[in-house]
Amino acid sequence: MLLLAVYVLCSKKFELTWQGFSSESFCFILAYLKLAMPSAAMVCLEYWAFEILVLLAGLMPNSELTTSLIAMCENTETIAYMITYGLSAAASTRVSNEFGAGNLEKAKSAMAVTLKLSVLLTLIVVLTLAFFHNIWAGFFSNNPEIIKEFASLTPLLAISITFDSIPGVLSGVARGGGWQHLAMYANLATFYFIGMPIAGLLGFKFNLHARGLWIGLICGLFAQNCILLLITLCKNWRTKMDIPVVNRGKEAQVETHYFI
């Protein structure tokens, strides 16, 4: 943080970007929070769903084994998701910049390129996991039973990682386009009204245990894919937003930006 602060203060590139703290910096806090809060809720709702699976695993008969398997799967998926999350941040920035500049086709192109790259890198991760799952499980535990059970869960884990690669990028596109609230509702509906109930039903009622919990998560991820794709494809209309721009020593001007 300190190095970045020194860079911004000393670099000539930012002479006109930031000229110090002033009361003007507080003018748009509410507008910012309207975007920031749904974004935070969107991310938290998805992460909490994975944590709930660990809690449910602890309520099962062989809780030590089940909790270990779900925790291993969750950590594996989180590590794989870091690739998608990085691309999501890049897509969010690029798409929002292109929207602001009025380059709608370039925004679509950036989204398409990021999606393809995310899926490609995810497939590499999945193939690596398929061939070396025993080695990977050995990093978590030296218990032969856990390693054997993790091998049986690997196909389901590969499916969930693949499904997670698409909404991760689309969530970034939603942030860049100002559709955070729609993505937040999508995550709430898919994970907590579809994924978690199915996970509980399969895990406890049908005694599928760890497999049932993870299948429920896959159902939630599949539904999330469908809804976020639908939101992205249906957002082909333009909305106009007037953004006040404050110039020091001059009257405030208004710039009109068009968003897809």
Protein backbone atom coordinates (compact mmCIF):
# COMPACT_ATOMS: atom_id res chain seq x y z
CA MET A 1 0.00 0.00 0.00
CA LEU A 2 2.81 2.41 0.93
CA LEU A 3 4.70 1.68 -2.29
CA LEU A 4 1.57 2.31 -4.35
CA ALA A 5 0.90 5.56 -2.47
CA VAL A 6 4.47 6.77 -3.12
CA TYR A 7 4.13 5.82 -6.79
CA VAL A 8 0.88 7.78 -7.21
CA LEU A 9 2.29 10.82 -5.40
CA CYS A 10 5.64 10.91 -7.18
CA SER A 11 4.86 9.74 -10.69
CA LYS A 12 4.18 12.46 -13.26
CA LYS A 13 1.55 10.23 -14.85
CA PHE A 14 -0.83 11.02 -11.99
CA GLU A 15 -0.34 14.78 -11.73
CA LEU A 16 -3.89 15.43 -12.94
CA THR A 17 -5.40 12.22 -11.54
CA TRP A 18 -5.28 13.08 -7.84
CA GLN A 19 -4.42 16.42 -6.32
CA GLY A 20 -4.89 15.59 -2.65
CA PHE A 21 -7.78 15.14 -0.24
CA SER A 22 -10.68 17.57 -0.35
CA SER A 23 -14.36 17.69 0.52
CA GLU A 24 -15.16 16.80 -3.08
CA SER A 25 -13.97 13.27 -2.42
CA PHE A 26 -17.05 12.69 -0.24
CA CYS A 27 -19.59 13.87 -2.81
CA PHE A 28 -20.24 10.49 -4.37
CA ILE A 29 -19.98 8.13 -1.40
CA LEU A 30 -23.64 7.13 -1.56
CA ALA A 31 -23.47 6.56 -5.32
CA TYR A 32 -20.36 4.46 -4.78
CA LEU A 33 -21.99 2.41 -2.01
CA LYS A 34 -24.94 1.63 -4.29
CA LEU A 35 -22.47 -0.20 -6.51
CA ALA A 36 -20.11 -1.48 -3.81
CA MET A 37 -22.64 -3.09 -1.47
CA PRO A 38 -24.31 -5.33 -4.08
CA SER A 39 -20.85 -6.27 -5.35
CA ALA A 40 -19.76 -7.33 -1.86
CA ALA A 41 -23.02 -9.21 -1.29
CA MET A 42 -22.67 -10.95 -4.66
CA VAL A 43 -19.23 -12.31 -3.73
CA CYS A 44 -20.14 -13.15 -0.12
CA LEU A 45 -23.27 -15.10 -1.05
CA GLU A 46 -21.21 -17.42 -3.25
CA TYR A 47 -18.37 -17.89 -0.75
CA TRP A 48 -20.79 -18.51 2.11
CA ALA A 49 -22.45 -21.33 0.15
CA PHE A 50 -19.15 -23.23 0.14
CA GLU A 51 -18.70 -22.66 3.86
CA ILE A 52 -22.22 -23.91 4.56
CA LEU A 53 -21.28 -27.20 2.89
CA VAL A 54 -18.49 -27.66 5.43
CA LEU A 55 -20.94 -27.02 8.27
CA LEU A 56 -23.42 -29.52 6.81
CA ALA A 57 -20.62 -32.08 6.43
CA GLY A 58 -19.94 -31.78 10.16
CA LEU A 59 -23.51 -32.92 10.90
CA MET A 60 -23.19 -36.21 9.02
CA PRO A 61 -22.53 -39.62 10.61
CA ASN A 62 -18.89 -39.98 9.53
CA SER A 63 -18.30 -36.28 10.01
CA GLU A 64 -14.49 -36.41 10.18
CA LEU A 65 -14.20 -38.06 6.76
CA THR A 66 -16.98 -36.03 5.16
CA THR A 67 -15.70 -32.71 6.50
CA SER A 68 -12.18 -33.52 5.33
CA LEU A 69 -13.40 -34.32 1.81
CA ILE A 70 -15.60 -31.23 1.52
CA ALA A 71 -12.82 -29.00 2.87
CA MET A 72 -10.34 -30.49 0.38
CA CYS A 73 -12.76 -29.95 -2.49
CA GLU A 74 -13.53 -26.41 -1.36
CA ASN A 75 -9.86 -25.46 -1.09
CA THR A 76 -9.10 -27.04 -4.47
CA GLU A 77 -11.95 -25.15 -6.09
CA THR A 78 -10.86 -21.90 -4.43
CA ILE A 79 -7.31 -22.28 -5.73
CA ALA A 80 -8.59 -23.01 -9.26
CA TYR A 81 -11.00 -20.08 -8.98
CA MET A 82 -8.12 -17.66 -8.42
CA ILE A 83 -7.40 -17.87 -12.16
CA THR A 84 -10.99 -17.00 -13.00
CA TYR A 85 -11.11 -14.32 -10.32
CA GLY A 86 -8.06 -12.58 -11.78
CA LEU A 87 -9.64 -12.64 -15.23
CA SER A 88 -12.89 -11.43 -13.66
CA ALA A 89 -11.14 -8.35 -12.25
CA ALA A 90 -9.54 -7.68 -15.63
CA ALA A 91 -12.89 -8.07 -17.42
CA SER A 92 -14.59 -5.76 -14.92
CA THR A 93 -12.05 -2.99 -15.50
CA ARG A 94 -11.86 -3.38 -19.28
CA VAL A 95 -15.62 -3.67 -19.81
CA SER A 96 -16.38 -0.66 -17.61
CA ASN A 97 -13.76 1.43 -19.44
CA GLU A 98 -15.18 0.47 -22.82
CA PHE A 99 -18.73 1.20 -21.64
CA GLY A 100 -17.65 4.61 -20.40
CA ALA A 101 -15.98 5.37 -23.73
CA GLY A 102 -19.05 4.22 -25.63
CA ASN A 103 -17.24 1.30 -27.29
CA LEU A 104 -19.95 -1.29 -26.86
CA GLU A 105 -18.56 -3.76 -29.39
CA LYS A 106 -15.14 -3.64 -27.75
CA ALA A 107 -16.79 -4.33 -24.40
CA LYS A 108 -18.46 -7.42 -25.87
CA SER A 109 -15.18 -8.50 -27.43
CA ALA A 110 -13.35 -8.13 -24.11
CA MET A 111 -15.99 -10.27 -22.41
CA ALA A 112 -15.76 -12.97 -25.10
CA VAL A 113 -11.96 -13.12 -24.98
CA THR A 114 -11.93 -13.31 -21.18
CA LEU A 115 -14.53 -16.10 -21.17
CA LYS A 116 -12.58 -18.17 -23.68
CA LEU A 117 -9.34 -17.71 -21.77
CA SER A 118 -11.01 -18.63 -18.48
CA VAL A 119 -12.49 -21.83 -19.89
CA LEU A 120 -9.19 -22.80 -21.53
CA LEU A 121 -7.14 -22.32 -18.36
CA THR A 122 -9.80 -24.11 -16.32
CA LEU A 123 -9.67 -27.13 -18.62
CA ILE A 124 -5.90 -27.30 -18.09
CA VAL A 125 -6.46 -27.28 -14.33
CA VAL A 126 -9.14 -29.96 -14.61
CA LEU A 127 -6.94 -32.24 -16.73
CA THR A 128 -4.07 -31.80 -14.29
CA LEU A 129 -6.38 -32.69 -11.41
CA ALA A 130 -7.71 -35.75 -13.26
CA PHE A 131 -4.24 -37.24 -13.78
CA PHE A 132 -2.61 -36.20 -10.51
CA HIS A 133 -5.50 -36.21 -8.00
CA ASN A 134 -3.77 -38.71 -5.69
CA ILE A 135 -0.67 -36.52 -5.48
CA TRP A 136 -2.84 -33.46 -4.86
CA ALA A 137 -4.83 -35.24 -2.13
CA GLY A 138 -1.55 -36.23 -0.50
CA PHE A 139 -0.84 -32.55 0.15
CA PHE A 140 -3.90 -32.47 2.43
CA SER A 141 -3.79 -35.88 4.12
CA ASN A 142 -1.81 -39.12 4.29
CA ASN A 143 -4.91 -41.12 5.24
CA PRO A 144 -5.46 -43.80 2.50
CA GLU A 145 -9.24 -43.74 3.00
CA ILE A 146 -9.45 -39.97 2.50
CA ILE A 147 -7.23 -40.15 -0.59
CA LYS A 148 -9.39 -42.95 -2.02
CA GLU A 149 -12.63 -41.08 -1.36
CA PHE A 150 -11.20 -37.88 -2.83
CA ALA A 151 -10.41 -39.80 -6.02
CA SER A 152 -14.07 -40.80 -6.29
CA LEU A 153 -15.08 -37.15 -5.85
CA THR A 154 -12.63 -35.86 -8.47
CA PRO A 155 -15.10 -36.11 -11.43
CA LEU A 156 -17.66 -34.05 -9.52
CA LEU A 157 -14.98 -31.58 -8.50
CA ALA A 158 -13.87 -31.26 -12.14
CA ILE A 159 -17.46 -30.47 -13.17
CA SER A 160 -17.88 -27.82 -10.47
CA ILE A 161 -14.55 -26.16 -11.35
CA THR A 162 -15.57 -26.04 -15.02
CA PHE A 163 -18.98 -24.57 -14.21
CA ASP A 164 -17.37 -22.02 -11.88
CA SER A 165 -15.12 -20.65 -14.64
CA ILE A 166 -17.98 -19.00 -16.55
CA PRO A 167 -19.99 -17.15 -13.86
CA GLY A 168 -16.73 -15.94 -12.34
CA VAL A 169 -16.02 -13.92 -15.47
CA LEU A 170 -19.66 -12.94 -15.97
CA SER A 171 -19.72 -11.59 -12.41
CA GLY A 172 -16.82 -9.31 -13.37
CA VAL A 173 -18.71 -8.21 -16.46
CA ALA A 174 -21.74 -7.50 -14.27
CA ARG A 175 -19.60 -5.31 -12.00
CA GLY A 176 -18.21 -3.48 -15.02
CA GLY A 177 -21.68 -2.89 -16.43
CA GLY A 178 -23.30 -1.81 -13.16
CA TRP A 179 -25.52 -4.90 -12.93
CA GLN A 180 -24.25 -6.02 -9.52
CA HIS A 181 -27.71 -6.08 -8.01
CA LEU A 182 -28.92 -8.56 -10.65
CA ALA A 183 -25.93 -10.84 -10.08
CA MET A 184 -26.51 -10.62 -6.32
CA TYR A 185 -30.13 -11.78 -6.70
CA ALA A 186 -28.95 -14.52 -9.06
CA ASN A 187 -26.46 -15.85 -6.49
CA LEU A 188 -29.06 -15.68 -3.72
CA ALA A 189 -31.61 -17.62 -5.77
CA THR A 190 -29.30 -20.24 -7.27
CA PHE A 191 -27.25 -21.14 -4.21
CA TYR A 192 -29.77 -20.76 -1.39
CA PHE A 193 -33.03 -21.75 -3.09
CA ILE A 194 -31.61 -24.39 -5.45
CA GLY A 195 -28.10 -25.55 -4.55
CA MET A 196 -28.23 -25.80 -0.76
CA PRO A 197 -31.68 -27.48 -0.53
CA ILE A 198 -30.63 -30.10 -3.09
CA ALA A 199 -27.34 -30.61 -1.23
CA GLY A 200 -29.16 -31.18 2.05
CA LEU A 201 -31.69 -33.51 0.44
CA LEU A 202 -29.10 -35.68 -1.32
CA GLY A 203 -26.63 -35.60 1.53
CA PHE A 204 -28.98 -36.44 4.39
CA LYS A 205 -32.16 -37.94 2.90
CA PHE A 206 -30.51 -40.11 0.24
CA ASN A 207 -27.36 -40.73 2.30
CA LEU A 208 -24.97 -39.66 -0.45
CA HIS A 209 -22.98 -37.70 2.15
CA ALA A 210 -20.08 -35.75 0.57
CA ARG A 211 -21.15 -36.64 -2.97
CA GLY A 212 -24.67 -35.43 -2.31
CA LEU A 213 -23.44 -32.13 -0.89
CA TRP A 214 -21.19 -31.51 -3.87
CA ILE A 215 -23.87 -32.51 -6.39
CA GLY A 216 -26.14 -29.91 -4.79
CA LEU A 217 -23.41 -27.32 -5.22
CA ILE A 218 -23.04 -28.30 -8.87
CA CYS A 219 -26.80 -27.78 -9.34
CA GLY A 220 -26.45 -24.30 -7.85
CA LEU A 221 -23.47 -23.50 -10.10
CA PHE A 222 -25.35 -24.74 -13.18
CA ALA A 223 -28.34 -22.55 -12.33
CA GLN A 224 -25.99 -19.62 -11.70
CA ASN A 225 -24.45 -20.15 -15.15
CA CYS A 226 -27.86 -20.13 -16.80
CA ILE A 227 -29.11 -16.99 -15.05
CA LEU A 228 -25.91 -14.96 -15.49
CA LEU A 229 -25.73 -15.94 -19.17
CA LEU A 230 -29.36 -14.91 -19.55
CA ILE A 231 -28.70 -11.56 -17.85
CA THR A 232 -25.66 -10.92 -20.04
CA LEU A 233 -27.39 -11.87 -23.29
CA CYS A 234 -30.55 -9.91 -22.52
CA LYS A 235 -28.67 -6.74 -21.63
CA ASN A 236 -28.66 -5.45 -25.21
CA TRP A 237 -30.34 -2.13 -24.51
CA ARG A 238 -28.73 1.20 -23.71
CA THR A 239 -29.25 3.25 -20.58
CA LYS A 240 -28.06 6.81 -20.19
CA MET A 241 -26.32 8.05 -17.08
CA ASP A 242 -25.39 11.68 -16.46
CA ILE A 243 -22.24 11.86 -14.41
CA PRO A 244 -21.27 15.26 -12.96
CA VAL A 245 -17.59 16.07 -13.45
CA VAL A 246 -16.06 18.62 -11.09
CA ASN A 247 -13.35 20.83 -12.56
CA ARG A 248 -11.44 23.01 -10.14
CA GLY A 249 -11.99 26.68 -10.75
CA LYS A 250 -14.70 26.06 -13.33
CA GLU A 251 -18.39 25.34 -13.28
CA ALA A 252 -19.34 21.71 -12.96
CA GLN A 253 -20.00 20.03 -16.28
CA VAL A 254 -22.08 17.01 -17.08
CA GLU A 255 -20.84 14.14 -19.20
CA THR A 256 -23.31 11.71 -20.69
CA HIS A 257 -22.21 8.07 -20.80
CA TYR A 258 -24.07 5.29 -22.55
CA PHE A 259 -24.02 1.77 -21.20
CA ILE A 260 -25.08 -1.38 -22.97
